[in-house]
Structure formats: C-alpha cells, structure tokens
N, C-alpha and C. Protein backbone atom coordinates (compact mmCIF):
# COMPACT_ATOMS: atom_id res chain seq x y z
N MET A 1 -31.06 11.95 -25.44
CA MET A 1 -30.87 11.55 -24.57
C MET A 1 -32.83 9.96 -25.47
N SER A 2 -31.91 8.63 -25.72
CA SER A 2 -33.63 8.14 -26.62
C SER A 2 -33.40 7.07 -24.60
N ILE A 3 -34.42 6.57 -25.59
CA ILE A 3 -35.00 5.38 -24.09
C ILE A 3 -34.11 4.70 -24.21
N HIS A 4 -33.13 3.61 -25.20
CA HIS A 4 -32.45 2.66 -25.72
C HIS A 4 -31.26 3.14 -25.08
N ASP A 5 -31.47 4.56 -24.67
CA ASP A 5 -29.78 4.67 -23.96
C ASP A 5 -29.98 4.77 -22.36
N ILE A 6 -31.55 5.74 -21.90
CA ILE A 6 -31.88 5.32 -20.40
C ILE A 6 -31.49 3.36 -20.24
N ILE A 7 -32.78 2.67 -21.66
CA ILE A 7 -32.27 1.54 -20.40
C ILE A 7 -31.29 0.52 -20.72
N GLU A 8 -30.31 1.26 -21.01
CA GLU A 8 -28.87 1.03 -21.09
C GLU A 8 -28.51 0.41 -19.67
N GLY A 9 -28.70 2.04 -19.48
CA GLY A 9 -28.15 2.64 -18.03
C GLY A 9 -28.24 2.37 -18.03
N LYS A 10 -29.59 2.15 -16.80
CA LYS A 10 -30.46 1.69 -16.23
C LYS A 10 -29.54 -0.46 -15.54
N LYS A 11 -29.74 -0.99 -16.93
CA LYS A 11 -29.59 -2.49 -17.46
C LYS A 11 -27.42 -2.23 -16.94
N GLN A 12 -27.10 -1.20 -17.41
CA GLN A 12 -25.66 -0.63 -16.63
C GLN A 12 -25.82 -0.80 -15.00
N TRP A 13 -26.50 -0.03 -14.40
CA TRP A 13 -26.48 0.42 -13.35
C TRP A 13 -27.34 -0.73 -12.21
N ARG A 14 -27.66 -2.13 -12.88
CA ARG A 14 -28.62 -3.10 -11.75
C ARG A 14 -27.35 -4.60 -11.87
N ALA A 15 -26.18 -3.92 -13.60
CA ALA A 15 -25.28 -5.50 -13.09
C ALA A 15 -23.97 -4.64 -12.21
N HIS A 16 -23.98 -3.61 -12.22
CA HIS A 16 -23.22 -2.35 -11.55
C HIS A 16 -23.60 -3.12 -9.80
N MET A 17 -24.74 -2.73 -9.69
CA MET A 17 -25.44 -2.43 -8.55
C MET A 17 -25.09 -3.60 -7.72
N ALA A 18 -25.72 -5.44 -7.98
CA ALA A 18 -25.39 -6.96 -8.68
C ALA A 18 -24.19 -7.38 -8.20
N ARG A 19 -23.05 -6.70 -8.44
CA ARG A 19 -21.68 -6.59 -8.17
C ARG A 19 -21.27 -6.16 -7.16
N VAL A 20 -21.92 -5.58 -6.50
CA VAL A 20 -22.15 -4.28 -4.96
C VAL A 20 -21.96 -5.14 -4.00
N LYS A 21 -23.60 -6.50 -3.95
CA LYS A 21 -24.27 -6.84 -3.14
C LYS A 21 -23.89 -8.38 -3.49
N ALA A 22 -22.76 -8.35 -3.82
CA ALA A 22 -21.92 -9.67 -3.84
C ALA A 22 -20.64 -9.74 -3.64
N LEU A 23 -20.33 -8.35 -3.00
CA LEU A 23 -19.72 -8.31 -1.91
C LEU A 23 -19.77 -8.21 -0.61
N PRO A 24 -18.76 -9.04 0.38
CA PRO A 24 -18.50 -9.40 1.66
C PRO A 24 -19.32 -7.65 2.45
N PRO A 25 -20.14 -8.22 3.92
CA PRO A 25 -21.29 -6.58 4.08
C PRO A 25 -19.80 -5.81 4.51
N ASP A 26 -18.71 -5.74 5.26
CA ASP A 26 -18.17 -4.62 5.21
C ASP A 26 -17.68 -4.04 3.97
N TYR A 27 -17.36 -4.29 3.33
CA TYR A 27 -17.17 -4.23 1.92
C TYR A 27 -18.54 -2.85 1.28
N GLN A 28 -19.56 -3.67 1.60
CA GLN A 28 -20.99 -2.95 1.17
C GLN A 28 -21.30 -2.09 1.46
N ILE A 29 -20.58 -1.53 2.92
CA ILE A 29 -21.29 -0.62 4.06
C ILE A 29 -20.00 0.73 3.41
N VAL A 30 -18.97 0.25 3.08
CA VAL A 30 -17.93 1.23 2.74
C VAL A 30 -18.04 1.73 1.18
N TYR A 31 -18.74 0.76 0.35
CA TYR A 31 -18.99 1.20 -0.66
C TYR A 31 -20.79 2.01 -0.72
N LYS A 32 -21.38 1.73 0.27
CA LYS A 32 -22.04 2.19 -0.17
C LYS A 32 -21.80 3.85 0.13
N GLU A 33 -21.44 4.14 1.36
CA GLU A 33 -20.32 5.06 1.89
C GLU A 33 -19.88 6.63 1.33
N MET A 34 -19.27 5.60 0.76
CA MET A 34 -18.00 6.09 -0.35
C MET A 34 -19.41 6.79 -1.53
N GLN A 35 -20.60 6.07 -2.06
CA GLN A 35 -20.81 6.20 -3.11
C GLN A 35 -22.30 7.62 -2.69
N LYS A 36 -22.66 8.05 -1.18
CA LYS A 36 -22.74 8.70 -0.59
C LYS A 36 -22.55 10.49 -1.47
N TYR A 37 -20.87 9.62 -0.76
CA TYR A 37 -19.56 10.84 -0.43
C TYR A 37 -19.44 11.68 -1.65
N LEU A 38 -19.81 10.33 -3.08
CA LEU A 38 -18.94 10.80 -4.23
C LEU A 38 -19.99 12.01 -4.87
N PHE A 39 -21.77 10.90 -4.88
CA PHE A 39 -23.19 11.91 -5.65
C PHE A 39 -22.51 13.29 -4.98
N LYS A 40 -22.51 13.22 -4.05
CA LYS A 40 -22.65 14.45 -3.05
C LYS A 40 -21.34 15.59 -3.79
N VAL A 41 -20.19 15.01 -3.36
CA VAL A 41 -19.02 16.14 -3.65
C VAL A 41 -18.26 15.26 -4.92
N GLY A 42 -18.41 14.67 -5.28
CA GLY A 42 -17.30 14.21 -6.46
C GLY A 42 -17.88 15.07 -8.29
N PRO A 43 -16.86 14.24 -8.83
CA PRO A 43 -16.53 14.71 -10.52
C PRO A 43 -18.04 14.67 -10.64
N ILE A 44 -18.10 15.45 -11.65
CA ILE A 44 -18.80 15.63 -12.54
C ILE A 44 -18.78 14.54 -13.53
N ASP A 45 -18.65 13.75 -13.95
CA ASP A 45 -19.12 12.49 -14.72
C ASP A 45 -18.67 11.23 -14.02
N LEU A 46 -19.10 11.37 -13.09
CA LEU A 46 -19.58 10.12 -11.87
C LEU A 46 -20.47 8.91 -12.46
N SER A 47 -21.51 9.72 -12.44
CA SER A 47 -22.28 8.62 -13.22
C SER A 47 -22.30 7.46 -14.61
N ASP A 48 -21.70 8.52 -15.63
CA ASP A 48 -21.34 7.68 -17.02
C ASP A 48 -18.82 6.92 -16.53
N GLY A 49 -18.84 7.62 -15.75
CA GLY A 49 -16.87 7.16 -15.68
C GLY A 49 -16.44 6.38 -15.34
N PRO A 50 -15.53 5.62 -15.16
CA PRO A 50 -15.17 4.54 -14.42
C PRO A 50 -14.88 4.59 -12.97
N LEU A 51 -15.46 5.53 -12.43
CA LEU A 51 -14.56 6.01 -11.13
C LEU A 51 -15.18 4.11 -10.59
N LEU A 52 -17.39 4.31 -9.89
CA LEU A 52 -18.02 3.49 -9.98
C LEU A 52 -17.05 1.69 -9.85
N PRO A 53 -16.80 0.78 -11.09
CA PRO A 53 -16.10 0.25 -11.82
C PRO A 53 -15.23 -0.43 -10.70
N GLY A 54 -14.04 0.79 -10.76
CA GLY A 54 -13.20 0.80 -10.62
C GLY A 54 -12.82 0.74 -9.33
N ILE A 55 -13.74 1.32 -8.24
CA ILE A 55 -13.92 0.77 -6.38
C ILE A 55 -14.58 -0.52 -7.01
N VAL A 56 -15.26 -0.96 -7.21
CA VAL A 56 -16.04 -2.64 -7.59
C VAL A 56 -14.33 -3.24 -7.16
N ASP A 57 -13.95 -2.71 -8.63
CA ASP A 57 -13.17 -3.86 -9.30
C ASP A 57 -11.95 -4.00 -8.09
N PHE A 58 -11.29 -2.69 -7.93
CA PHE A 58 -10.48 -2.99 -5.98
C PHE A 58 -10.84 -3.65 -5.48
N PHE A 59 -12.52 -3.62 -5.69
CA PHE A 59 -13.26 -4.26 -3.34
C PHE A 59 -12.59 -5.52 -4.06
N GLU A 60 -13.63 -6.30 -4.97
CA GLU A 60 -13.98 -7.14 -5.38
C GLU A 60 -12.25 -8.21 -5.61
N GLU A 61 -11.59 -7.66 -5.94
CA GLU A 61 -9.56 -8.16 -6.67
C GLU A 61 -8.89 -7.93 -4.12
N GLY A 62 -9.61 -7.19 -2.81
CA GLY A 62 -9.44 -7.01 -1.96
C GLY A 62 -9.56 -7.68 -1.67
N ALA A 63 -10.89 -7.94 -1.53
CA ALA A 63 -12.53 -9.70 -1.08
C ALA A 63 -11.17 -10.54 -1.74
N ALA A 64 -10.84 -10.63 -2.79
CA ALA A 64 -10.77 -12.23 -3.21
C ALA A 64 -9.24 -13.16 -2.37
N ALA A 65 -9.14 -11.54 -1.78
CA ALA A 65 -7.47 -12.13 -0.95
C ALA A 65 -7.45 -11.87 0.24
N GLY A 66 -8.71 -12.31 0.89
CA GLY A 66 -8.81 -11.72 2.46
C GLY A 66 -9.56 -10.42 3.05
N LYS A 67 -8.47 -9.51 2.92
CA LYS A 67 -7.60 -8.65 2.54
C LYS A 67 -9.64 -8.01 3.55
N GLY A 68 -9.95 -7.21 4.57
CA GLY A 68 -10.58 -6.62 5.31
C GLY A 68 -10.77 -4.71 4.86
N VAL A 69 -11.38 -4.37 3.90
CA VAL A 69 -12.32 -3.47 3.85
C VAL A 69 -10.75 -1.68 3.39
N LEU A 70 -11.10 -1.73 5.27
CA LEU A 70 -10.54 -1.23 5.54
C LEU A 70 -9.09 -0.82 4.66
N GLU A 71 -8.41 -2.53 5.54
CA GLU A 71 -6.68 -2.84 5.11
C GLU A 71 -6.85 -2.22 3.98
N LEU A 72 -7.43 -2.46 3.59
CA LEU A 72 -7.38 -1.46 1.77
C LEU A 72 -7.41 0.13 1.90
N ILE A 73 -8.21 0.62 2.06
CA ILE A 73 -8.38 2.21 1.95
C ILE A 73 -8.24 2.99 3.09
N GLY A 74 -8.33 2.03 4.00
CA GLY A 74 -7.59 2.88 5.71
C GLY A 74 -8.67 3.29 6.15
N ASP A 75 -8.81 4.54 7.64
CA ASP A 75 -10.25 5.17 8.31
C ASP A 75 -10.65 6.37 8.45
N ASP A 76 -10.69 6.68 7.67
CA ASP A 76 -11.25 7.60 6.70
C ASP A 76 -10.78 7.30 5.72
N VAL A 77 -12.77 7.00 5.02
CA VAL A 77 -12.91 7.63 4.37
C VAL A 77 -13.68 8.16 3.29
N ALA A 78 -13.82 9.47 3.49
CA ALA A 78 -14.03 10.20 3.16
C ALA A 78 -11.98 10.45 2.57
N ALA A 79 -11.08 10.43 3.38
CA ALA A 79 -9.79 11.22 2.95
C ALA A 79 -9.59 10.28 1.72
N PHE A 80 -10.38 8.37 1.33
CA PHE A 80 -10.10 8.20 0.70
C PHE A 80 -10.42 8.72 -1.09
N CYS A 81 -11.77 8.10 -0.46
CA CYS A 81 -12.35 9.44 -2.05
C CYS A 81 -11.65 10.47 -2.05
N ASP A 82 -11.81 11.56 -1.69
CA ASP A 82 -11.20 12.93 -1.84
C ASP A 82 -8.99 12.80 -2.49
N ASP A 83 -9.33 11.83 -2.63
CA ASP A 83 -7.83 11.48 -3.19
C ASP A 83 -8.00 10.63 -4.27
N LEU A 84 -8.61 9.97 -4.54
CA LEU A 84 -9.65 9.74 -5.77
C LEU A 84 -9.78 10.88 -6.71
N ILE A 85 -10.91 11.67 -6.01
CA ILE A 85 -10.89 12.60 -6.65
C ILE A 85 -10.08 13.95 -7.33
N LYS A 86 -9.10 14.08 -7.03
CA LYS A 86 -8.50 15.40 -6.93
C LYS A 86 -7.97 16.08 -8.04
N ASP A 87 -7.95 14.82 -8.99
CA ASP A 87 -7.86 15.57 -10.28
C ASP A 87 -8.89 15.49 -10.86
N SER A 88 -9.59 16.13 -10.58
CA SER A 88 -10.70 15.73 -11.56
C SER A 88 -12.18 16.76 -11.18
N ARG A 89 -12.45 17.63 -12.24
CA ARG A 89 -13.22 18.39 -11.73
C ARG A 89 -14.95 18.18 -11.70
N THR A 90 -14.87 18.60 -9.95
CA THR A 90 -16.29 18.57 -9.56
C THR A 90 -17.76 19.65 -10.04
N TYR A 91 -18.73 19.13 -9.13
CA TYR A 91 -19.32 19.99 -8.86
C TYR A 91 -19.47 21.51 -8.47
N ALA A 92 -18.53 20.73 -7.59
CA ALA A 92 -18.00 22.57 -6.77
C ALA A 92 -17.54 24.18 -7.79
N ASP A 93 -16.20 22.84 -8.03
CA ASP A 93 -15.32 23.77 -8.71
C ASP A 93 -15.96 24.24 -9.95
N ALA A 94 -17.25 23.74 -10.44
CA ALA A 94 -18.32 24.43 -12.17
C ALA A 94 -18.62 25.67 -11.23
N TYR A 95 -19.46 25.09 -9.89
CA TYR A 95 -20.37 26.62 -9.10
C TYR A 95 -19.44 27.26 -8.78
N GLN A 96 -18.08 27.75 -8.48
CA GLN A 96 -17.42 28.03 -8.63
C GLN A 96 -16.95 28.63 -9.31
N GLU A 97 -16.28 28.16 -10.63
CA GLU A 97 -16.29 29.34 -11.72
C GLU A 97 -17.02 29.63 -12.52
N SER A 98 -18.92 28.98 -12.48
CA SER A 98 -19.79 30.48 -12.23
C SER A 98 -20.01 32.07 -11.88
N ARG A 99 -19.64 30.97 -10.16
CA ARG A 99 -19.64 32.73 -9.65
C ARG A 99 -18.84 33.96 -9.75
N ALA A 100 -17.67 33.70 -10.86
CA ALA A 100 -16.29 33.62 -10.84
C ALA A 100 -16.78 34.47 -11.85
N ARG A 101 -17.17 33.62 -13.39
CA ARG A 101 -18.49 34.71 -13.43
C ARG A 101 -18.95 35.93 -13.78
N CYS A 102 -19.50 35.37 -13.06
CA CYS A 102 -20.50 36.79 -11.83
C CYS A 102 -20.04 37.40 -12.17
N GLU A 103 -19.12 38.32 -11.29
CA GLU A 103 -18.66 38.86 -10.61
C GLU A 103 -17.69 39.88 -11.63
C-alpha cells in the first residue's frame, strides 16, 4: 500500500464520516452502534467494501422521508446488522477455518 493509497483512504473515510455527521442525531447514534458492532464481528472487507456507505445511503433516504431510524431497522440493531452480513465472510469464519486446518 503506497502513501498515496493511505492518503486517499483517509480522504474517503473523512468524507464518509462527514455524511454520517450530517444525519439527524438519532441516526448518528444508531450508525455508531452499528459501526462498533460490525467492526467487532463484521465481514473481512468491511473497511473498504460497500456496506458502510450503503448504510449511510439508506439512512439518508430514511431521514429525507421523515422516518425515524428505528422505523427503518427495527428495535434490534444487532439483528439488523447480522442480517446485513449473513452471506459475508467474517473474521470469525476465518478464525474457525484456521482452527479446523490445525486439527
């Protein structure tokens, strides 16, 4: 990874977070909780994949329509996140696969 790639990645991340900060406060709170959860259990390609920007797109549309964030995702944030990543390869999957190879 070159310095140019690192700088470009930081620019993209800052732009992404600026979009999050433009959301209504309740959306921001839920997004940050989702982000923490997904960074803990989420897919391997989370940081450079389409999932997080897709969530922001979804939230921007919901906010523009005047809906509350829980109207969009329901009361169980973790279940919503699990549903988003159900077909993605996670770090837990990679760990289990490496353990299985060692046995």
